[in-house]
Amino acid sequence: MTTATTYLPVRLFMDKILWAVRIVHQGDHYGRNLCLVHERTEPMVEFYDTRYLFSDLGQFVSRYNLSTLLDNHPFGHGLCLDGGVPDWTLSDACFGKVQGWLKNLDLMPEKELNHV
């Protein structure tokens, strides 16, 4: 379990805009002003719009459980992060890169992943 807030791994992905994607591990702080602590073992994945500097990573847009992105969402299909903001949709190509990066981090046992 992590004892301090970690911003790694964070990776930038270019689509219509530049996205910062952060992994939140068990024990990491998250949420507004980092006031929450992630207590579950499954990591969460956060997306930030780097155009707006509301935090070190940009403006928080959305957060998902890792299994939602790798197990439940079709591989390489786009992802709407917020239906109210057209720019906050990842293209098929960009989200495929995000999924590939997440899968390569090996944060979940392979048996838990159903996609190819």
PDB file of N, CA and C in Angstrom:
ATOM      1  N   MET A   1       0.837  -1.176   0.000  1.00  0.00           N
ATOM      2  CA  MET A   1       0.000   0.000   0.000  1.00  0.00           C
ATOM      3  C   MET A   1       0.883   1.241   0.000  1.00  0.00           C
ATOM      4  N   THR A   2       0.533   2.231  -0.793  1.00  0.00           N
ATOM      5  CA  THR A   2       1.278   3.467  -0.906  1.00  0.00           C
ATOM      6  C   THR A   2       0.960   4.365   0.278  1.00  0.00           C
ATOM      7  N   THR A   3       1.963   5.055   0.810  1.00  0.00           N
ATOM      8  CA  THR A   3       1.724   5.924   1.956  1.00  0.00           C
ATOM      9  C   THR A   3       1.637   7.388   1.579  1.00  0.00           C
ATOM     10  N   ALA A   4       2.068   7.759   0.413  1.00  0.00           N
ATOM     11  CA  ALA A   4       2.018   9.157  -0.016  1.00  0.00           C
ATOM     12  C   ALA A   4       1.341   9.239  -1.376  1.00  0.00           C
ATOM     13  N   THR A   5       0.843  10.418  -1.683  1.00  0.00           N
ATOM     14  CA  THR A   5       0.211  10.623  -2.975  1.00  0.00           C
ATOM     15  C   THR A   5       1.244  10.447  -4.077  1.00  0.00           C
ATOM     16  N   THR A   6       0.904   9.652  -5.063  1.00  0.00           N
ATOM     17  CA  THR A   6       1.799   9.470  -6.198  1.00  0.00           C
ATOM     18  C   THR A   6       1.097   9.934  -7.458  1.00  0.00           C
ATOM     19  N   TYR A   7       1.840  10.578  -8.309  1.00  0.00           N
ATOM     20  CA  TYR A   7       1.309  10.997  -9.596  1.00  0.00           C
ATOM     21  C   TYR A   7       1.908  10.154 -10.705  1.00  0.00           C
ATOM     22  N   LEU A   8       2.573   9.082 -10.351  1.00  0.00           N
ATOM     23  CA  LEU A   8       3.161   8.206 -11.343  1.00  0.00           C
ATOM     24  C   LEU A   8       2.513   6.853 -11.230  1.00  0.00           C
ATOM     25  N   PRO A   9       2.272   6.154 -12.296  1.00  0.00           N
ATOM     26  CA  PRO A   9       2.553   6.662 -13.625  1.00  0.00           C
ATOM     27  C   PRO A   9       1.478   7.613 -14.131  1.00  0.00           C
ATOM     28  N   VAL A  10       1.954   8.627 -14.785  1.00  0.00           N
ATOM     29  CA  VAL A  10       1.111   9.560 -15.535  1.00  0.00           C
ATOM     30  C   VAL A  10       1.665   9.568 -16.939  1.00  0.00           C
ATOM     31  N   ARG A  11       0.795   9.553 -17.905  1.00  0.00           N
ATOM     32  CA  ARG A  11       1.264   9.610 -19.288  1.00  0.00           C
ATOM     33  C   ARG A  11       0.419  10.612 -20.038  1.00  0.00           C
ATOM     34  N   LEU A  12       1.026  11.271 -20.997  1.00  0.00           N
ATOM     35  CA  LEU A  12       0.319  12.230 -21.838  1.00  0.00           C
ATOM     36  C   LEU A  12      -0.036  11.571 -23.158  1.00  0.00           C
ATOM     37  N   PHE A  13      -1.256  11.795 -23.602  1.00  0.00           N
ATOM     38  CA  PHE A  13      -1.739  11.263 -24.876  1.00  0.00           C
ATOM     39  C   PHE A  13      -2.298  12.417 -25.692  1.00  0.00           C
ATOM     40  N   MET A  14      -1.873  12.529 -26.942  1.00  0.00           N
ATOM     41  CA  MET A  14      -2.338  13.600 -27.815  1.00  0.00           C
ATOM     42  C   MET A  14      -3.512  13.117 -28.646  1.00  0.00           C
ATOM     43  N   ASP A  15      -4.581  13.876 -28.622  1.00  0.00           N
ATOM     44  CA  ASP A  15      -5.756  13.630 -29.442  1.00  0.00           C
ATOM     45  C   ASP A  15      -6.120  15.002 -29.994  1.00  0.00           C
ATOM     46  N   LYS A  16      -7.365  15.417 -29.904  1.00  0.00           N
ATOM     47  CA  LYS A  16      -7.707  16.806 -30.228  1.00  0.00           C
ATOM     48  C   LYS A  16      -7.012  17.727 -29.242  1.00  0.00           C
ATOM     49  N   ILE A  17      -6.857  17.243 -28.025  1.00  0.00           N
ATOM     50  CA  ILE A  17      -6.156  17.977 -26.974  1.00  0.00           C
ATOM     51  C   ILE A  17      -5.136  17.040 -26.334  1.00  0.00           C
ATOM     52  N   LEU A  18      -4.295  17.588 -25.477  1.00  0.00           N
ATOM     53  CA  LEU A  18      -3.301  16.791 -24.765  1.00  0.00           C
ATOM     54  C   LEU A  18      -3.895  16.342 -23.427  1.00  0.00           C
ATOM     55  N   TRP A  19      -3.980  15.034 -23.221  1.00  0.00           N
ATOM     56  CA  TRP A  19      -4.551  14.448 -22.012  1.00  0.00           C
ATOM     57  C   TRP A  19      -3.452  13.985 -21.070  1.00  0.00           C
ATOM     58  N   ALA A  20      -3.625  14.254 -19.780  1.00  0.00           N
ATOM     59  CA  ALA A  20      -2.812  13.616 -18.744  1.00  0.00           C
ATOM     60  C   ALA A  20      -3.664  12.493 -18.172  1.00  0.00           C
ATOM     61  N   VAL A  21      -3.100  11.303 -18.112  1.00  0.00           N
ATOM     62  CA  VAL A  21      -3.815  10.136 -17.595  1.00  0.00           C
ATOM     63  C   VAL A  21      -3.036   9.632 -16.383  1.00  0.00           C
ATOM     64  N   ARG A  22      -3.705   9.571 -15.249  1.00  0.00           N
ATOM     65  CA  ARG A  22      -3.063   9.223 -13.978  1.00  0.00           C
ATOM     66  C   ARG A  22      -3.656   7.942 -13.409  1.00  0.00           C
ATOM     67  N   ILE A  23      -2.790   7.094 -12.859  1.00  0.00           N
ATOM     68  CA  ILE A  23      -3.214   5.891 -12.155  1.00  0.00           C
ATOM     69  C   ILE A  23      -3.299   6.229 -10.670  1.00  0.00           C
ATOM     70  N   VAL A  24      -4.419   5.890 -10.039  1.00  0.00           N
ATOM     71  CA  VAL A  24      -4.599   6.085  -8.596  1.00  0.00           C
ATOM     72  C   VAL A  24      -4.563   4.702  -7.950  1.00  0.00           C
ATOM     73  N   HIS A  25      -3.523   4.451  -7.165  1.00  0.00           N
ATOM     74  CA  HIS A  25      -3.345   3.161  -6.503  1.00  0.00           C
ATOM     75  C   HIS A  25      -3.936   3.192  -5.099  1.00  0.00           C
ATOM     76  N   GLN A  26      -4.113   2.022  -4.526  1.00  0.00           N
ATOM     77  CA  GLN A  26      -4.587   1.921  -3.154  1.00  0.00           C
ATOM     78  C   GLN A  26      -3.684   2.750  -2.244  1.00  0.00           C
ATOM     79  N   GLY A  27      -4.294   3.586  -1.415  1.00  0.00           N
ATOM     80  CA  GLY A  27      -3.544   4.450  -0.506  1.00  0.00           C
ATOM     81  C   GLY A  27      -3.247   5.828  -1.058  1.00  0.00           C
ATOM     82  N   ASP A  28      -3.404   6.026  -2.366  1.00  0.00           N
ATOM     83  CA  ASP A  28      -3.168   7.341  -2.971  1.00  0.00           C
ATOM     84  C   ASP A  28      -4.306   8.296  -2.638  1.00  0.00           C
ATOM     85  N   HIS A  29      -3.968   9.567  -2.546  1.00  0.00           N
ATOM     86  CA  HIS A  29      -4.974  10.612  -2.386  1.00  0.00           C
ATOM     87  C   HIS A  29      -5.502  11.006  -3.761  1.00  0.00           C
ATOM     88  N   TYR A  30      -6.782  11.376  -3.803  1.00  0.00           N
ATOM     89  CA  TYR A  30      -7.409  11.794  -5.052  1.00  0.00           C
ATOM     90  C   TYR A  30      -8.595  12.684  -4.714  1.00  0.00           C
ATOM     91  N   GLY A  31      -9.263  13.174  -5.746  1.00  0.00           N
ATOM     92  CA  GLY A  31     -10.430  14.026  -5.546  1.00  0.00           C
ATOM     93  C   GLY A  31     -10.036  15.484  -5.353  1.00  0.00           C
ATOM     94  N   ARG A  32     -11.044  16.321  -5.182  1.00  0.00           N
ATOM     95  CA  ARG A  32     -10.807  17.755  -5.028  1.00  0.00           C
ATOM     96  C   ARG A  32      -9.900  18.005  -3.824  1.00  0.00           C
ATOM     97  N   ASN A  33      -8.838  18.742  -4.067  1.00  0.00           N
ATOM     98  CA  ASN A  33      -7.823  19.045  -3.051  1.00  0.00           C
ATOM     99  C   ASN A  33      -7.215  17.780  -2.436  1.00  0.00           C
ATOM    100  N   LEU A  34      -7.265  16.682  -3.184  1.00  0.00           N
ATOM    101  CA  LEU A  34      -6.691  15.402  -2.741  1.00  0.00           C
ATOM    102  C   LEU A  34      -7.186  15.010  -1.351  1.00  0.00           C
ATOM    103  N   CYS A  35      -8.481  15.215  -1.111  1.00  0.00           N
ATOM    104  CA  CYS A  35      -9.041  14.986   0.224  1.00  0.00           C
ATOM    105  C   CYS A  35      -9.516  13.556   0.452  1.00  0.00           C
ATOM    106  N   LEU A  36      -9.525  12.732  -0.577  1.00  0.00           N
ATOM    107  CA  LEU A  36      -9.976  11.345  -0.443  1.00  0.00           C
ATOM    108  C   LEU A  36      -8.784  10.398  -0.545  1.00  0.00           C
ATOM    109  N   VAL A  37      -8.908   9.230   0.061  1.00  0.00           N
ATOM    110  CA  VAL A  37      -7.871   8.198  -0.032  1.00  0.00           C
ATOM    111  C   VAL A  37      -8.493   6.973  -0.694  1.00  0.00           C
ATOM    112  N   HIS A  38      -7.830   6.474  -1.738  1.00  0.00           N
ATOM    113  CA  HIS A  38      -8.331   5.292  -2.452  1.00  0.00           C
ATOM    114  C   HIS A  38      -8.063   4.054  -1.600  1.00  0.00           C
ATOM    115  N   GLU A  39      -9.129   3.385  -1.173  1.00  0.00           N
ATOM    116  CA  GLU A  39      -8.995   2.258  -0.251  1.00  0.00           C
ATOM    117  C   GLU A  39      -9.057   0.892  -0.921  1.00  0.00           C
ATOM    118  N   ARG A  40      -9.548   0.817  -2.124  1.00  0.00           N
ATOM    119  CA  ARG A  40      -9.692  -0.484  -2.792  1.00  0.00           C
ATOM    120  C   ARG A  40      -8.391  -0.915  -3.453  1.00  0.00           C
ATOM    121  N   THR A  41      -8.287  -2.214  -3.698  1.00  0.00           N
ATOM    122  CA  THR A  41      -7.067  -2.722  -4.331  1.00  0.00           C
ATOM    123  C   THR A  41      -7.028  -2.435  -5.825  1.00  0.00           C
ATOM    124  N   GLU A  42      -8.199  -2.381  -6.475  1.00  0.00           N
ATOM    125  CA  GLU A  42      -8.217  -2.103  -7.913  1.00  0.00           C
ATOM    126  C   GLU A  42      -7.867  -0.642  -8.170  1.00  0.00           C
ATOM    127  N   PRO A  43      -6.869  -0.380  -9.017  1.00  0.00           N
ATOM    128  CA  PRO A  43      -6.517   1.000  -9.340  1.00  0.00           C
ATOM    129  C   PRO A  43      -7.648   1.718 -10.074  1.00  0.00           C
ATOM    130  N   MET A  44      -7.623   3.031  -9.977  1.00  0.00           N
ATOM    131  CA  MET A  44      -8.523   3.885 -10.751  1.00  0.00           C
ATOM    132  C   MET A  44      -7.679   4.660 -11.756  1.00  0.00           C
ATOM    133  N   VAL A  45      -8.326   5.113 -12.816  1.00  0.00           N
ATOM    134  CA  VAL A  45      -7.647   5.856 -13.876  1.00  0.00           C
ATOM    135  C   VAL A  45      -8.341   7.202 -14.018  1.00  0.00           C
ATOM    136  N   GLU A  46      -7.557   8.288 -13.924  1.00  0.00           N
ATOM    137  CA  GLU A  46      -8.101   9.643 -14.030  1.00  0.00           C
ATOM    138  C   GLU A  46      -7.634  10.298 -15.325  1.00  0.00           C
ATOM    139  N   PHE A  47      -8.509  11.121 -15.889  1.00  0.00           N
ATOM    140  CA  PHE A  47      -8.215  11.863 -17.113  1.00  0.00           C
ATOM    141  C   PHE A  47      -8.268  13.356 -16.817  1.00  0.00           C
ATOM    142  N   TYR A  48      -7.240  14.084 -17.276  1.00  0.00           N
ATOM    143  CA  TYR A  48      -7.135  15.524 -17.067  1.00  0.00           C
ATOM    144  C   TYR A  48      -6.927  16.235 -18.402  1.00  0.00           C
ATOM    145  N   ASP A  49      -7.626  17.345 -18.590  1.00  0.00           N
ATOM    146  CA  ASP A  49      -7.441  18.221 -19.747  1.00  0.00           C
ATOM    147  C   ASP A  49      -6.316  19.186 -19.393  1.00  0.00           C
ATOM    148  N   THR A  50      -5.175  19.050 -20.073  1.00  0.00           N
ATOM    149  CA  THR A  50      -3.990  19.839 -19.723  1.00  0.00           C
ATOM    150  C   THR A  50      -4.082  21.302 -20.138  1.00  0.00           C
ATOM    151  N   ARG A  51      -5.126  21.678 -20.864  1.00  0.00           N
ATOM    152  CA  ARG A  51      -5.265  23.082 -21.273  1.00  0.00           C
ATOM    153  C   ARG A  51      -5.634  23.984 -20.103  1.00  0.00           C
ATOM    154  N   TYR A  52      -6.225  23.424 -19.082  1.00  0.00           N
ATOM    155  CA  TYR A  52      -6.723  24.209 -17.953  1.00  0.00           C
ATOM    156  C   TYR A  52      -5.972  23.796 -16.695  1.00  0.00           C
ATOM    157  N   LEU A  53      -5.263  24.717 -16.089  1.00  0.00           N
ATOM    158  CA  LEU A  53      -4.383  24.394 -14.969  1.00  0.00           C
ATOM    159  C   LEU A  53      -5.093  24.515 -13.622  1.00  0.00           C
ATOM    160  N   PHE A  54      -6.119  23.705 -13.429  1.00  0.00           N
ATOM    161  CA  PHE A  54      -6.806  23.676 -12.141  1.00  0.00           C
ATOM    162  C   PHE A  54      -6.030  22.850 -11.120  1.00  0.00           C
ATOM    163  N   SER A  55      -5.110  22.029 -11.580  1.00  0.00           N
ATOM    164  CA  SER A  55      -4.232  21.230 -10.718  1.00  0.00           C
ATOM    165  C   SER A  55      -2.905  21.071 -11.455  1.00  0.00           C
ATOM    166  N   ASP A  56      -1.979  20.367 -10.840  1.00  0.00           N
ATOM    167  CA  ASP A  56      -0.684  20.129 -11.493  1.00  0.00           C
ATOM    168  C   ASP A  56      -0.833  19.393 -12.820  1.00  0.00           C
ATOM    169  N   LEU A  57      -1.891  18.599 -12.944  1.00  0.00           N
ATOM    170  CA  LEU A  57      -2.097  17.814 -14.159  1.00  0.00           C
ATOM    171  C   LEU A  57      -3.044  18.471 -15.148  1.00  0.00           C
ATOM    172  N   GLY A  58      -3.798  19.463 -14.720  1.00  0.00           N
ATOM    173  CA  GLY A  58      -4.797  20.101 -15.565  1.00  0.00           C
ATOM    174  C   GLY A  58      -6.157  20.032 -14.910  1.00  0.00           C
ATOM    175  N   GLN A  59      -7.205  20.162 -15.708  1.00  0.00           N
ATOM    176  CA  GLN A  59      -8.567  20.093 -15.181  1.00  0.00           C
ATOM    177  C   GLN A  59      -9.025  18.644 -15.137  1.00  0.00           C
ATOM    178  N   PHE A  60      -9.451  18.214 -13.960  1.00  0.00           N
ATOM    179  CA  PHE A  60      -9.988  16.868 -13.834  1.00  0.00           C
ATOM    180  C   PHE A  60     -11.229  16.747 -14.708  1.00  0.00           C
ATOM    181  N   VAL A  61     -11.321  15.638 -15.451  1.00  0.00           N
ATOM    182  CA  VAL A  61     -12.464  15.405 -16.326  1.00  0.00           C
ATOM    183  C   VAL A  61     -13.257  14.183 -15.878  1.00  0.00           C
ATOM    184  N   SER A  62     -12.575  13.057 -15.651  1.00  0.00           N
ATOM    185  CA  SER A  62     -13.306  11.834 -15.347  1.00  0.00           C
ATOM    186  C   SER A  62     -12.392  10.818 -14.679  1.00  0.00           C
ATOM    187  N   ARG A  63     -13.017   9.848 -14.004  1.00  0.00           N
ATOM    188  CA  ARG A  63     -12.278   8.793 -13.312  1.00  0.00           C
ATOM    189  C   ARG A  63     -13.028   7.472 -13.504  1.00  0.00           C
ATOM    190  N   TYR A  64     -12.276   6.404 -13.752  1.00  0.00           N
ATOM    191  CA  TYR A  64     -12.852   5.073 -13.960  1.00  0.00           C
ATOM    192  C   TYR A  64     -12.057   4.034 -13.184  1.00  0.00           C
ATOM    193  N   ASN A  65     -12.731   2.960 -12.791  1.00  0.00           N
ATOM    194  CA  ASN A  65     -12.006   1.789 -12.307  1.00  0.00           C
ATOM    195  C   ASN A  65     -11.248   1.190 -13.485  1.00  0.00           C
ATOM    196  N   LEU A  66     -10.080   0.646 -13.213  1.00  0.00           N
ATOM    197  CA  LEU A  66      -9.255   0.075 -14.276  1.00  0.00           C
ATOM    198  C   LEU A  66     -10.002  -1.000 -15.060  1.00  0.00           C
ATOM    199  N   SER A  67     -10.750  -1.848 -14.371  1.00  0.00           N
ATOM    200  CA  SER A  67     -11.461  -2.933 -15.060  1.00  0.00           C
ATOM    201  C   SER A  67     -12.519  -2.404 -16.017  1.00  0.00           C
ATOM    202  N   THR A  68     -13.082  -1.259 -15.721  1.00  0.00           N
ATOM    203  CA  THR A  68     -14.075  -0.667 -16.624  1.00  0.00           C
ATOM    204  C   THR A  68     -13.443  -0.350 -17.972  1.00  0.00           C
ATOM    205  N   LEU A  69     -12.222   0.143 -17.950  1.00  0.00           N
ATOM    206  CA  LEU A  69     -11.545   0.540 -19.184  1.00  0.00           C
ATOM    207  C   LEU A  69     -10.931  -0.641 -19.927  1.00  0.00           C
ATOM    208  N   LEU A  70     -10.498  -1.658 -19.203  1.00  0.00           N
ATOM    209  CA  LEU A  70      -9.823  -2.784 -19.851  1.00  0.00           C
ATOM    210  C   LEU A  70     -10.727  -3.982 -20.076  1.00  0.00           C
ATOM    211  N   ASP A  71     -11.653  -4.207 -19.194  1.00  0.00           N
ATOM    212  CA  ASP A  71     -12.456  -5.419 -19.268  1.00  0.00           C
ATOM    213  C   ASP A  71     -13.832  -5.169 -19.871  1.00  0.00           C
ATOM    214  N   ASN A  72     -14.410  -4.021 -19.589  1.00  0.00           N
ATOM    215  CA  ASN A  72     -15.795  -3.764 -19.978  1.00  0.00           C
ATOM    216  C   ASN A  72     -15.957  -2.885 -21.213  1.00  0.00           C
ATOM    217  N   HIS A  73     -14.915  -2.168 -21.611  1.00  0.00           N
ATOM    218  CA  HIS A  73     -15.014  -1.264 -22.757  1.00  0.00           C
ATOM    219  C   HIS A  73     -14.301  -1.895 -23.948  1.00  0.00           C
ATOM    220  N   PRO A  74     -14.936  -1.939 -25.130  1.00  0.00           N
ATOM    221  CA  PRO A  74     -14.293  -2.553 -26.302  1.00  0.00           C
ATOM    222  C   PRO A  74     -12.928  -1.932 -26.588  1.00  0.00           C
ATOM    223  N   PHE A  75     -11.948  -2.776 -26.837  1.00  0.00           N
ATOM    224  CA  PHE A  75     -10.585  -2.310 -27.082  1.00  0.00           C
ATOM    225  C   PHE A  75     -10.527  -1.474 -28.357  1.00  0.00           C
ATOM    226  N   GLY A  76      -9.920  -0.284 -28.247  1.00  0.00           N
ATOM    227  CA  GLY A  76      -9.709   0.569 -29.407  1.00  0.00           C
ATOM    228  C   GLY A  76     -10.907   1.379 -29.844  1.00  0.00           C
ATOM    229  N   HIS A  77     -11.986   1.352 -29.081  1.00  0.00           N
ATOM    230  CA  HIS A  77     -13.137   2.201 -29.389  1.00  0.00           C
ATOM    231  C   HIS A  77     -13.008   3.471 -28.569  1.00  0.00           C
ATOM    232  N   GLY A  78     -13.522   4.581 -29.081  1.00  0.00           N
ATOM    233  CA  GLY A  78     -13.437   5.854 -28.384  1.00  0.00           C
ATOM    234  C   GLY A  78     -14.147   5.829 -27.041  1.00  0.00           C
ATOM    235  N   LEU A  79     -13.945   6.904 -26.270  1.00  0.00           N
ATOM    236  CA  LEU A  79     -14.557   6.995 -24.950  1.00  0.00           C
ATOM    237  C   LEU A  79     -14.990   8.428 -24.693  1.00  0.00           C
ATOM    238  N   CYS A  80     -16.276   8.605 -24.418  1.00  0.00           N
ATOM    239  CA  CYS A  80     -16.807   9.915 -24.048  1.00  0.00           C
ATOM    240  C   CYS A  80     -16.593  10.097 -22.550  1.00  0.00           C
ATOM    241  N   LEU A  81     -15.761  11.061 -22.181  1.00  0.00           N
ATOM    242  CA  LEU A  81     -15.460  11.308 -20.775  1.00  0.00           C
ATOM    243  C   LEU A  81     -16.488  12.219 -20.118  1.00  0.00           C
ATOM    244  N   ASP A  82     -17.116  13.082 -20.912  1.00  0.00           N
ATOM    245  CA  ASP A  82     -18.137  14.010 -20.412  1.00  0.00           C
ATOM    246  C   ASP A  82     -18.983  14.431 -21.598  1.00  0.00           C
ATOM    247  N   GLY A  83     -20.247  14.030 -21.603  1.00  0.00           N
ATOM    248  CA  GLY A  83     -21.126  14.313 -22.732  1.00  0.00           C
ATOM    249  C   GLY A  83     -21.439  15.777 -22.935  1.00  0.00           C
ATOM    250  N   GLY A  84     -21.184  16.613 -21.938  1.00  0.00           N
ATOM    251  CA  GLY A  84     -21.484  18.035 -22.043  1.00  0.00           C
ATOM    252  C   GLY A  84     -20.391  18.854 -22.705  1.00  0.00           C
ATOM    253  N   VAL A  85     -19.223  18.263 -22.919  1.00  0.00           N
ATOM    254  CA  VAL A  85     -18.090  18.979 -23.512  1.00  0.00           C
ATOM    255  C   VAL A  85     -17.578  18.151 -24.690  1.00  0.00           C
ATOM    256  N   PRO A  86     -17.838  18.585 -25.935  1.00  0.00           N
ATOM    257  CA  PRO A  86     -17.441  17.795 -27.106  1.00  0.00           C
ATOM    258  C   PRO A  86     -15.953  17.425 -27.143  1.00  0.00           C
ATOM    259  N   ASP A  87     -15.076  18.308 -26.684  1.00  0.00           N
ATOM    260  CA  ASP A  87     -13.640  18.010 -26.693  1.00  0.00           C
ATOM    261  C   ASP A  87     -13.269  16.882 -25.741  1.00  0.00           C
ATOM    262  N   TRP A  88     -14.114  16.586 -24.794  1.00  0.00           N
ATOM    263  CA  TRP A  88     -13.786  15.592 -23.779  1.00  0.00           C
ATOM    264  C   TRP A  88     -14.232  14.189 -24.190  1.00  0.00           C
ATOM    265  N   THR A  89     -13.958  13.852 -25.432  1.00  0.00           N
ATOM    266  CA  THR A  89     -14.177  12.516 -25.969  1.00  0.00           C
ATOM    267  C   THR A  89     -12.867  12.052 -26.592  1.00  0.00           C
ATOM    268  N   LEU A  90     -12.401  10.885 -26.183  1.00  0.00           N
ATOM    269  CA  LEU A  90     -11.183  10.331 -26.762  1.00  0.00           C
ATOM    270  C   LEU A  90     -11.522   9.608 -28.054  1.00  0.00           C
ATOM    271  N   SER A  91     -10.733   9.846 -29.082  1.00  0.00           N
ATOM    272  CA  SER A  91     -10.931   9.152 -30.355  1.00  0.00           C
ATOM    273  C   SER A  91     -10.613   7.666 -30.194  1.00  0.00           C
ATOM    274  N   ASP A  92     -11.031   6.878 -31.182  1.00  0.00           N
ATOM    275  CA  ASP A  92     -10.725   5.445 -31.174  1.00  0.00           C
ATOM    276  C   ASP A  92      -9.219   5.212 -31.041  1.00  0.00           C
ATOM    277  N   ALA A  93      -8.436   5.934 -31.847  1.00  0.00           N
ATOM    278  CA  ALA A  93      -6.983   5.738 -31.854  1.00  0.00           C
ATOM    279  C   ALA A  93      -6.360   6.125 -30.517  1.00  0.00           C
ATOM    280  N   CYS A  94      -6.773   7.255 -29.966  1.00  0.00           N
ATOM    281  CA  CYS A  94      -6.209   7.715 -28.694  1.00  0.00           C
ATOM    282  C   CYS A  94      -6.576   6.763 -27.565  1.00  0.00           C
ATOM    283  N   PHE A  95      -7.845   6.369 -27.505  1.00  0.00           N
ATOM    284  CA  PHE A  95      -8.234   5.486 -26.412  1.00  0.00           C
ATOM    285  C   PHE A  95      -7.609   4.106 -26.557  1.00  0.00           C
ATOM    286  N   GLY A  96      -7.390   3.653 -27.788  1.00  0.00           N
ATOM    287  CA  GLY A  96      -6.664   2.401 -27.990  1.00  0.00           C
ATOM    288  C   GLY A  96      -5.255   2.488 -27.424  1.00  0.00           C
ATOM    289  N   LYS A  97      -4.593   3.638 -27.577  1.00  0.00           N
ATOM    290  CA  LYS A  97      -3.256   3.841 -27.003  1.00  0.00           C
ATOM    291  C   LYS A  97      -3.315   3.842 -25.479  1.00  0.00           C
ATOM    292  N   VAL A  98      -4.343   4.486 -24.920  1.00  0.00           N
ATOM    293  CA  VAL A  98      -4.509   4.498 -23.465  1.00  0.00           C
ATOM    294  C   VAL A  98      -4.703   3.067 -22.961  1.00  0.00           C
ATOM    295  N   GLN A  99      -5.583   2.307 -23.618  1.00  0.00           N
ATOM    296  CA  GLN A  99      -5.824   0.922 -23.202  1.00  0.00           C
ATOM    297  C   GLN A  99      -4.553   0.078 -23.314  1.00  0.00           C
ATOM    298  N   GLY A 100      -3.798   0.257 -24.394  1.00  0.00           N
ATOM    299  CA  GLY A 100      -2.553  -0.485 -24.553  1.00  0.00           C
ATOM    300  C   GLY A 100      -1.563  -0.160 -23.452  1.00  0.00           C
ATOM    301  N   TRP A 101      -1.444   1.138 -23.114  1.00  0.00           N
ATOM    302  CA  TRP A 101      -0.548   1.567 -22.040  1.00  0.00           C
ATOM    303  C   TRP A 101      -0.969   0.947 -20.714  1.00  0.00           C
ATOM    304  N   LEU A 102      -2.267   1.016 -20.415  1.00  0.00           N
ATOM    305  CA  LEU A 102      -2.762   0.463 -19.152  1.00  0.00           C
ATOM    306  C   LEU A 102      -2.528  -1.044 -19.080  1.00  0.00           C
ATOM    307  N   LYS A 103      -2.777  -1.731 -20.179  1.00  0.00           N
ATOM    308  CA  LYS A 103      -2.582  -3.187 -20.196  1.00  0.00           C
ATOM    309  C   LYS A 103      -1.111  -3.530 -19.985  1.00  0.00           C
ATOM    310  N   ASN A 104      -0.208  -2.765 -20.596  1.00  0.00           N
ATOM    311  CA  ASN A 104       1.226  -3.022 -20.464  1.00  0.00           C
ATOM    312  C   ASN A 104       1.749  -2.752 -19.059  1.00  0.00           C
ATOM    313  N   LEU A 105       1.033  -1.943 -18.279  1.00  0.00           N
ATOM    314  CA  LEU A 105       1.452  -1.689 -16.899  1.00  0.00           C
ATOM    315  C   LEU A 105       1.233  -2.912 -16.013  1.00  0.00           C
ATOM    316  N   ASP A 106       0.422  -3.849 -16.495  1.00  0.00           N
ATOM    317  CA  ASP A 106       0.182  -5.111 -15.789  1.00  0.00           C
ATOM    318  C   ASP A 106      -0.299  -4.872 -14.360  1.00  0.00           C
ATOM    319  N   LEU A 107      -1.329  -4.048 -14.228  1.00  0.00           N
ATOM    320  CA  LEU A 107      -1.875  -3.711 -12.915  1.00  0.00           C
ATOM    321  C   LEU A 107      -2.949  -4.681 -12.450  1.00  0.00           C
ATOM    322  N   MET A 108      -3.452  -5.515 -13.362  1.00  0.00           N
ATOM    323  CA  MET A 108      -4.455  -6.522 -13.021  1.00  0.00           C
ATOM    324  C   MET A 108      -3.975  -7.867 -13.538  1.00  0.00           C
ATOM    325  N   PRO A 109      -4.275  -8.930 -12.813  1.00  0.00           N
ATOM    326  CA  PRO A 109      -3.900 -10.255 -13.327  1.00  0.00           C
ATOM    327  C   PRO A 109      -4.534 -10.504 -14.689  1.00  0.00           C
ATOM    328  N   GLU A 110      -3.801 -11.143 -15.582  1.00  0.00           N
ATOM    329  CA  GLU A 110      -4.273 -11.397 -16.951  1.00  0.00           C
ATOM    330  C   GLU A 110      -5.604 -12.130 -16.964  1.00  0.00           C
ATOM    331  N   LYS A 111      -5.829 -13.018 -15.998  1.00  0.00           N
ATOM    332  CA  LYS A 111      -7.074 -13.779 -15.970  1.00  0.00           C
ATOM    333  C   LYS A 111      -8.298 -12.889 -15.768  1.00  0.00           C
ATOM    334  N   GLU A 112      -8.098 -11.664 -15.249  1.00  0.00           N
ATOM    335  CA  GLU A 112      -9.219 -10.762 -15.033  1.00  0.00           C
ATOM    336  C   GLU A 112      -9.582  -9.972 -16.285  1.00  0.00           C
ATOM    337  N   LEU A 113      -8.739 -10.038 -17.316  1.00  0.00           N
ATOM    338  CA  LEU A 113      -8.993  -9.289 -18.538  1.00  0.00           C
ATOM    339  C   LEU A 113      -9.641 -10.206 -19.564  1.00  0.00           C
ATOM    340  N   ASN A 114     -10.755  -9.770 -20.115  1.00  0.00           N
ATOM    341  CA  ASN A 114     -11.475 -10.601 -21.079  1.00  0.00           C
ATOM    342  C   ASN A 114     -11.210 -10.214 -22.525  1.00  0.00           C
ATOM    343  N   HIS A 115     -10.681  -9.019 -22.771  1.00  0.00           N
ATOM    344  CA  HIS A 115     -10.487  -8.597 -24.160  1.00  0.00           C
ATOM    345  C   HIS A 115      -9.173  -9.145 -24.694  1.00  0.00           C
ATOM    346  N   VAL A 116      -9.062  -9.114 -26.010  1.00  0.00           N
ATOM    347  CA  VAL A 116      -7.833  -9.577 -26.662  1.00  0.00           C
ATOM    348  C   VAL A 116      -7.000  -8.380 -27.026  1.00  0.00           C
TER     349      VAL A 116
END
